[in-house]
């Protein structure tokens, strides 16, 4: 890894580390392969810097906000996988469930409500 990243960003490149303690704390880590934050269980001690209390904190710290059309209507695409996804309803200012076919569609398409609100919701 290049040394030009500030120290705070270096944390985002570390693998998630449960640590040696036995607590079961829900935390989020940045997955560099997917460019998204994922949940893991933290033991409570001897972890590393890639451990965030909320999804929003993880994304704000490690990810770039993607270019998304938050005003687009949900688009299931043209395939038939039937995957539950979320879209942002700009009129109601809420993330709602829809069924995605697995290909095509538009950028108003999120795997989790956290990702949907982080990207399109009000700050």
Foldseek 3Di string as FASTA:
>chain_A
DDPPDPPLQVQLVDDWDQDDAQDFAWWWFQDPVVQAIDIDTHRPDDTTSRTHNDRLVNCVRHHDQDDFDLCDDWDQADAAPFQWWWFQHVVVLAIDIDTHRPDDTGRRTGHDRSSNCSRPHDD
